[in-house]
C-alpha atoms as a PDB file:
ATOM      1  CA  MET A   1      29.652  26.332-122.532  1.00  0.00           C
ATOM      2  CA  LYS A   2      30.661  29.918-123.348  1.00  0.00           C
ATOM      3  CA  LEU A   3      30.793  30.748-127.082  1.00  0.00           C
ATOM      4  CA  THR A   4      31.619  33.899-129.030  1.00  0.00           C
ATOM      5  CA  TYR A   5      30.295  34.723-132.483  1.00  0.00           C
ATOM      6  CA  ARG A   6      31.312  37.955-134.240  1.00  0.00           C
ATOM      7  CA  GLY A   7      32.267  39.549-130.972  1.00  0.00           C
ATOM      8  CA  VAL A   8      29.071  38.579-129.132  1.00  0.00           C
ATOM      9  CA  SER A   9      29.534  36.212-126.218  1.00  0.00           C
ATOM     10  CA  TYR A  10      26.747  33.919-125.116  1.00  0.00           C
ATOM     11  CA  GLU A  11      26.189  30.866-122.988  1.00  0.00           C
ATOM     12  CA  TYR A  12      25.190  27.754-124.907  1.00  0.00           C
ATOM     13  CA  THR A  13      23.809  24.633-123.335  1.00  0.00           C
ATOM     14  CA  PRO A  14      23.203  21.884-125.866  1.00  0.00           C
ATOM     15  CA  PRO A  15      19.902  20.065-125.435  1.00  0.00           C
ATOM     16  CA  THR A  16      20.041  16.604-123.932  1.00  0.00           C
ATOM     17  CA  ILE A  17      18.412  13.920-126.007  1.00  0.00           C
ATOM     18  CA  GLU A  18      17.154  10.758-124.355  1.00  0.00           C
ATOM     19  CA  THR A  19      17.736   7.639-126.437  1.00  0.00           C
ATOM     20  CA  THR A  20      17.097   3.936-126.122  1.00  0.00           C
ATOM     21  CA  GLU A  21      19.219   1.235-127.659  1.00  0.00           C
ATOM     22  CA  GLY A  22      17.639  -0.428-130.635  1.00  0.00           C
ATOM     23  CA  GLU A  23      17.336  -4.115-131.348  1.00  0.00           C
ATOM     24  CA  LEU A  24      19.609  -4.048-134.379  1.00  0.00           C
ATOM     25  CA  ALA A  25      23.315  -4.406-133.749  1.00  0.00           C
ATOM     26  CA  GLY A  26      26.338  -5.676-135.577  1.00  0.00           C
ATOM     27  CA  LYS A  27      29.975  -5.233-136.458  1.00  0.00           C
ATOM     28  CA  TYR A  28      31.331  -2.895-139.079  1.00  0.00           C
ATOM     29  CA  ARG A  29      35.040  -2.993-139.910  1.00  0.00           C
ATOM     30  CA  GLY A  30      35.720  -4.703-136.630  1.00  0.00           C
ATOM     31  CA  LEU A  31      33.782  -2.258-134.448  1.00  0.00           C
ATOM     32  CA  ASP A  32      30.479  -2.896-132.675  1.00  0.00           C
ATOM     33  CA  TRP A  33      27.572  -0.632-133.538  1.00  0.00           C
ATOM     34  CA  ARG A  34      23.943  -0.289-132.483  1.00  0.00           C
ATOM     35  CA  PHE A  35      21.032   1.832-133.609  1.00  0.00           C
ATOM     36  CA  CYS A  36      19.834   4.354-131.036  1.00  0.00           C
ATOM     37  CA  ASN A  37      16.200   5.490-131.117  1.00  0.00           C
ATOM     38  CA  LEU A  38      14.888   8.731-129.661  1.00  0.00           C
ATOM     39  CA  LYS A  39      12.446   8.351-126.783  1.00  0.00           C
ATOM     40  CA  LYS A  40      10.644  11.520-127.768  1.00  0.00           C
ATOM     41  CA  ALA A  41      11.143  13.599-130.911  1.00  0.00           C
ATOM     42  CA  PRO A  42      12.622  17.010-130.055  1.00  0.00           C
ATOM     43  CA  VAL A  43      10.365  19.980-130.732  1.00  0.00           C
ATOM     44  CA  GLN A  44      12.133  23.237-131.354  1.00  0.00           C
ATOM     45  CA  GLN A  45      10.385  26.155-129.722  1.00  0.00           C
ATOM     46  CA  PRO A  46      10.073  29.243-131.919  1.00  0.00           C
ATOM     47  CA  THR A  47      11.641  32.496-130.822  1.00  0.00           C
ATOM     48  CA  VAL A  48       9.011  34.788-129.351  1.00  0.00           C
ATOM     49  CA  GLU A  49      10.250  38.079-130.791  1.00  0.00           C
ATOM     50  CA  LEU A  50      10.882  37.474-134.482  1.00  0.00           C
ATOM     51  CA  MET A  51      11.739  40.599-136.488  1.00  0.00           C
ATOM     52  CA  TYR A  52      12.374  41.179-140.173  1.00  0.00           C
ATOM     53  CA  ARG A  53      13.364  44.681-141.268  1.00  0.00           C
ATOM     54  CA  GLY A  54      11.761  46.134-138.185  1.00  0.00           C
ATOM     55  CA  VAL A  55       8.453  44.291-138.581  1.00  0.00           C
ATOM     56  CA  ALA A  56       7.532  41.726-135.959  1.00  0.00           C
ATOM     57  CA  TYR A  57       6.130  38.402-137.112  1.00  0.00           C
ATOM     58  CA  GLY A  58       5.599  34.901-135.792  1.00  0.00           C
ATOM     59  CA  SER A  59       5.798  31.489-137.374  1.00  0.00           C
ATOM     60  CA  ALA A  60       2.359  30.568-136.025  1.00  0.00           C
ATOM     61  CA  GLU A  61       0.602  33.514-137.661  1.00  0.00           C
ATOM     62  CA  GLN A  62      -1.904  32.607-140.312  1.00  0.00           C
ATOM     63  CA  ALA A  63      -2.424  34.747-143.358  1.00  0.00           C
ATOM     64  CA  PRO A  64      -5.942  36.136-143.637  1.00  0.00           C
ATOM     65  CA  THR A  65      -8.052  33.737-145.615  1.00  0.00           C
ATOM     66  CA  VAL A  66      -9.216  34.998-148.971  1.00  0.00           C
ATOM     67  CA  PRO A  67     -12.490  33.588-150.250  1.00  0.00           C
ATOM     68  CA  VAL A  68     -11.908  31.242-153.138  1.00  0.00           C
ATOM     69  CA  ARG A  69     -13.639  32.290-156.310  1.00  0.00           C
ATOM     70  CA  GLN A  70     -15.628  29.639-158.052  1.00  0.00           C
ATOM     71  CA  PRO A  71     -14.620  29.154-161.687  1.00  0.00           C
ATOM     72  CA  ILE A  72     -17.245  30.047-164.235  1.00  0.00           C
ATOM     73  CA  ALA A  73     -17.988  27.299-166.705  1.00  0.00           C
ATOM     74  CA  VAL A  74     -17.218  28.430-170.254  1.00  0.00           C
ATOM     75  CA  PRO A  75     -18.744  26.419-173.071  1.00  0.00           C
ATOM     76  CA  SER A  76     -16.050  24.591-175.001  1.00  0.00           C
ATOM     77  CA  VAL A  77     -17.887  24.900-178.307  1.00  0.00           C
ATOM     78  CA  ALA A  78     -15.799  26.908-180.741  1.00  0.00           C
ATOM     79  CA  PRO A  79     -17.386  29.283-183.237  1.00  0.00           C
ATOM     80  CA  ALA A  80     -18.123  27.865-186.670  1.00  0.00           C
ATOM     81  CA  GLY A  81     -15.467  29.960-188.417  1.00  0.00           C
ATOM     82  CA  SER A  82     -12.593  29.065-186.073  1.00  0.00           C
ATOM     83  CA  ALA A  83     -11.608  25.925-188.010  1.00  0.00           C
ATOM     84  CA  SER A  84     -11.162  27.897-191.203  1.00  0.00           C
ATOM     85  CA  LEU A  85      -9.279  30.612-189.288  1.00  0.00           C
ATOM     86  CA  PHE A  86      -6.934  27.976-187.919  1.00  0.00           C
ATOM     87  CA  GLU A  87      -6.364  26.491-191.370  1.00  0.00           C
ATOM     88  CA  ASP A  88      -5.791  29.949-192.870  1.00  0.00           C
ATOM     89  CA  LYS A  89      -3.263  30.757-190.155  1.00  0.00           C
ATOM     90  CA  ALA A  90      -1.451  27.438-190.692  1.00  0.00           C
ATOM     91  CA  ARG A  91      -1.442  27.984-194.462  1.00  0.00           C
ATOM     92  CA  SER A  92      -0.055  31.519-194.171  1.00  0.00           C
ATOM     93  CA  LEU A  93       2.665  30.370-191.751  1.00  0.00           C
ATOM     94  CA  MET A  94       3.637  27.543-194.110  1.00  0.00           C
ATOM     95  CA  MET A  95       3.743  29.903-197.085  1.00  0.00           C
ATOM     96  CA  SER A  96       5.864  32.463-195.238  1.00  0.00           C
ATOM     97  CA  ASN A  97       8.240  29.705-194.121  1.00  0.00           C
ATOM     98  CA  CYS A  98       8.503  28.432-197.697  1.00  0.00           C
ATOM     99  CA  ARG A  99       9.100  31.990-198.955  1.00  0.00           C
ATOM    100  CA  ALA A 100      11.867  32.498-196.387  1.00  0.00           C
ATOM    101  CA  ILE A 101      13.544  29.234-197.395  1.00  0.00           C
ATOM    102  CA  LYS A 102      13.396  30.215-201.074  1.00  0.00           C
ATOM    103  CA  LYS A 103      14.952  33.603-200.252  1.00  0.00           C
ATOM    104  CA  ARG A 104      17.780  31.896-198.393  1.00  0.00           C
ATOM    105  CA  GLN A 105      18.338  29.462-201.236  1.00  0.00           C
ATOM    106  CA  GLN A 106      18.343  32.332-203.763  1.00  0.00           C
ATOM    107  CA  SER A 107      20.889  34.177-201.635  1.00  0.00           C
ATOM    108  CA  MET A 108      23.095  31.072-201.508  1.00  0.00           C
ATOM    109  CA  LEU A 109      22.729  30.648-205.290  1.00  0.00           C
ATOM    110  CA  SER A 110      23.763  34.274-205.897  1.00  0.00           C
ATOM    111  CA  ARG A 111      26.794  33.959-203.612  1.00  0.00           C
ATOM    112  CA  LEU A 112      27.825  30.712-205.255  1.00  0.00           C
ATOM    113  CA  ALA A 113      27.485  32.228-208.721  1.00  0.00           C
ATOM    114  CA  SER A 114      29.689  35.170-207.755  1.00  0.00           C
ATOM    115  CA  GLU A 115      32.286  32.823-206.197  1.00  0.00           C
ATOM    116  CA  VAL A 116      32.411  30.661-209.308  1.00  0.00           C
ATOM    117  CA  GLY A 117      32.650  33.735-211.520  1.00  0.00           C
ATOM    118  CA  LEU A 118      29.366  33.601-213.434  1.00  0.00           C
ATOM    119  CA  ALA A 119      28.517  36.942-214.953  1.00  0.00           C
ATOM    120  CA  GLY A 120      24.950  38.175-214.856  1.00  0.00           C
ATOM    121  CA  ASP A 121      22.075  38.054-212.461  1.00  0.00           C
ATOM    122  CA  VAL A 122      21.048  34.528-211.464  1.00  0.00           C
ATOM    123  CA  SER A 123      17.926  35.683-209.639  1.00  0.00           C
ATOM    124  CA  GLY A 124      15.940  35.441-212.886  1.00  0.00           C
ATOM    125  CA  TYR A 125      16.594  31.710-213.125  1.00  0.00           C
ATOM    126  CA  TRP A 126      15.030  30.806-209.813  1.00  0.00           C
ATOM    127  CA  ASN A 127      11.794  29.192-210.993  1.00  0.00           C
ATOM    128  CA  ARG A 128      13.230  27.394-214.020  1.00  0.00           C
ATOM    129  CA  ILE A 129      16.304  26.009-212.257  1.00  0.00           C
ATOM    130  CA  GLN A 130      15.218  25.426-208.698  1.00  0.00           C
ATOM    131  CA  GLY A 131      11.597  24.389-208.942  1.00  0.00           C
ATOM    132  CA  LYS A 132       9.924  23.425-205.675  1.00  0.00           C
ATOM    133  CA  VAL A 133      11.585  23.275-202.289  1.00  0.00           C
ATOM    134  CA  HIS A 134      12.475  19.666-201.536  1.00  0.00           C
ATOM    135  CA  PRO A 135      10.432  18.374-198.560  1.00  0.00           C
ATOM    136  CA  THR A 136      13.500  17.181-196.633  1.00  0.00           C
ATOM    137  CA  PHE A 137      15.187  20.562-197.002  1.00  0.00           C
ATOM    138  CA  ARG A 138      13.038  22.028-194.204  1.00  0.00           C
ATOM    139  CA  LEU A 139      14.258  19.383-191.769  1.00  0.00           C
ATOM    140  CA  SER A 140      17.956  20.112-192.188  1.00  0.00           C
ATOM    141  CA  TYR A 141      18.039  23.810-193.091  1.00  0.00           C
ATOM    142  CA  ASP A 142      16.706  26.309-190.619  1.00  0.00           C
ATOM    143  CA  ARG A 143      17.911  29.370-188.815  1.00  0.00           C
ATOM    144  CA  SER A 144      20.222  28.637-185.941  1.00  0.00           C
ATOM    145  CA  ARG A 145      18.465  28.447-182.581  1.00  0.00           C
ATOM    146  CA  ALA A 146      21.439  30.258-181.040  1.00  0.00           C
ATOM    147  CA  ALA A 147      21.003  33.158-183.462  1.00  0.00           C
ATOM    148  CA  MET A 148      17.453  33.714-182.214  1.00  0.00           C
ATOM    149  CA  SER A 149      18.452  34.153-178.581  1.00  0.00           C
END
């Protein structure tokens, strides 16, 4: 069969596949059908002259083997001071988070006071009015995840 692809003509002969009729058969929507099994699975032969950007290669080529380095066992015992370092880091992160929440709340309080029309600086009333940050406040009030991206 003569085919042309992008101006290049070539002769194509489709491979013939030998099949045997299977044991299963039946009718589907009024038509008979049977399973056909291949006698031998087709093996596609690789092209001999493979080229990529001017460099010849083959699918059967093996990459040079690199010796595998053996991992060095590192003792999993942590230094004695690492637990306190971890706790200090967690404490400082918690305090900075709490400080940031208080700043945001103070900012909201100042904006609300100016909207309502209160005269004076409300930042001096923070500790007496607000007190501690409510524990559930951290769950519902945080910076937007979209704003961080």
